[in-house]
Amino acid sequence: MPRAETGPLQARLARLRRAGTDAAHRRAAQAAAALAADIAHHLPDGHAEAEPRPEGSTVTVEAPGLAAWEFGTATRGARPVIGPAVVRLLGRG
């Protein structure tokens, strides 16, 4: 049985893998930016920022009283911001 040359095939597969990874990172960065913008819109005194990472993207949220907004307190009910924004991003809300 003759041996087939796999060098070009392996190189093509490696290029396809890199292209797929790059496309997934772009989609993650776009989704993180959209999530950060949505959250920032609902937190007038806060800040939400998307940051690319090697493994994808992260969204950092800072706001005074954010935990109280998300979970409520003994005297005030919850008015979540982050959870609903994630649901909207996923298209379920």
Protein backbone atom coordinates (compact mmCIF):
# COMPACT_ATOMS: atom_id res chain seq x y z
CA MET A 1 0.00 0.00 0.00
CA PRO A 2 1.55 3.34 -1.01
CA ARG A 3 1.98 6.05 1.62
CA ALA A 4 -0.01 9.22 1.10
CA GLU A 5 1.60 12.60 1.62
CA THR A 6 -0.15 14.15 4.62
CA GLY A 7 1.96 17.33 4.98
CA PRO A 8 -0.34 19.58 2.92
CA LEU A 9 -3.43 18.06 4.51
CA GLN A 10 -2.04 18.60 8.03
CA ALA A 11 -1.15 22.20 7.17
CA ARG A 12 -4.64 22.84 5.81
CA LEU A 13 -6.24 21.33 8.91
CA ALA A 14 -4.04 23.52 11.13
CA ARG A 15 -5.09 26.63 9.15
CA LEU A 16 -8.78 25.68 9.46
CA ARG A 17 -8.37 25.11 13.21
CA ARG A 18 -6.72 28.54 13.64
CA ALA A 19 -9.42 30.21 11.52
CA GLY A 20 -12.16 28.57 13.60
CA THR A 21 -10.49 29.59 16.85
CA ASP A 22 -10.05 33.17 15.63
CA ALA A 23 -13.70 33.35 14.55
CA ALA A 24 -14.86 32.01 17.93
CA HIS A 25 -12.72 34.60 19.74
CA ARG A 26 -14.20 37.38 17.58
CA ARG A 27 -17.74 36.23 18.38
CA ALA A 28 -16.91 36.03 22.09
CA ALA A 29 -15.42 39.54 22.02
CA GLN A 30 -18.52 40.90 20.26
CA ALA A 31 -20.84 39.18 22.72
CA ALA A 32 -18.83 40.46 25.69
CA ALA A 33 -18.89 44.02 24.32
CA ALA A 34 -22.67 43.80 23.80
CA LEU A 35 -23.15 42.44 27.32
CA ALA A 36 -20.98 45.19 28.84
CA ALA A 37 -22.91 47.88 26.96
CA ASP A 38 -26.26 46.44 28.05
CA ILE A 39 -25.20 46.24 31.69
CA ALA A 40 -23.65 49.73 31.65
CA HIS A 41 -26.91 51.11 30.25
CA HIS A 42 -28.79 49.81 33.30
CA LEU A 43 -26.19 50.97 35.86
CA PRO A 44 -25.98 54.75 35.50
CA ASP A 45 -23.52 55.04 38.42
CA GLY A 46 -21.56 51.95 37.42
CA HIS A 47 -19.05 50.74 34.90
CA ALA A 48 -18.99 47.61 32.72
CA GLU A 49 -16.06 46.75 30.51
CA ALA A 50 -15.34 43.88 28.13
CA GLU A 51 -11.76 42.64 27.96
CA PRO A 52 -10.35 40.04 25.57
CA ARG A 53 -8.47 37.13 27.17
CA PRO A 54 -6.55 34.26 25.60
CA GLU A 55 -9.37 31.86 26.52
CA GLY A 56 -12.18 34.19 25.36
CA SER A 57 -13.47 37.44 26.82
CA THR A 58 -14.50 38.69 30.25
CA VAL A 59 -16.85 41.41 31.41
CA THR A 60 -15.99 43.36 34.54
CA VAL A 61 -18.82 45.19 36.30
CA GLU A 62 -18.36 47.74 39.06
CA ALA A 63 -21.14 49.76 40.66
CA PRO A 64 -21.96 51.04 44.11
CA GLY A 65 -24.38 48.65 45.76
CA LEU A 66 -24.24 46.13 42.91
CA ALA A 67 -24.76 43.15 45.21
CA ALA A 68 -27.85 44.84 46.69
CA TRP A 69 -29.18 45.48 43.18
CA GLU A 70 -28.67 41.87 42.14
CA PHE A 71 -29.80 40.08 45.29
CA GLY A 72 -31.75 42.64 47.32
CA THR A 73 -31.42 43.48 50.99
CA ALA A 74 -33.56 42.98 54.06
CA THR A 75 -35.39 46.22 53.28
CA ARG A 76 -35.32 46.31 49.47
CA GLY A 77 -36.15 43.68 46.89
CA ALA A 78 -33.73 42.63 44.19
CA ARG A 79 -33.60 44.55 40.91
CA PRO A 80 -31.16 42.36 38.97
CA VAL A 81 -29.12 43.87 36.17
CA ILE A 82 -26.51 41.27 35.24
CA GLY A 83 -28.73 38.18 35.10
CA PRO A 84 -31.34 39.72 32.78
CA ALA A 85 -28.59 41.10 30.52
CA VAL A 86 -27.12 37.62 30.13
CA VAL A 87 -30.57 36.21 29.34
CA ARG A 88 -31.10 38.93 26.68
CA LEU A 89 -27.67 38.13 25.19
CA LEU A 90 -28.61 34.47 24.91
CA GLY A 91 -31.86 35.45 23.18
CA ARG A 92 -34.06 33.88 25.82
CA GLY A 93 -35.61 37.04 27.18
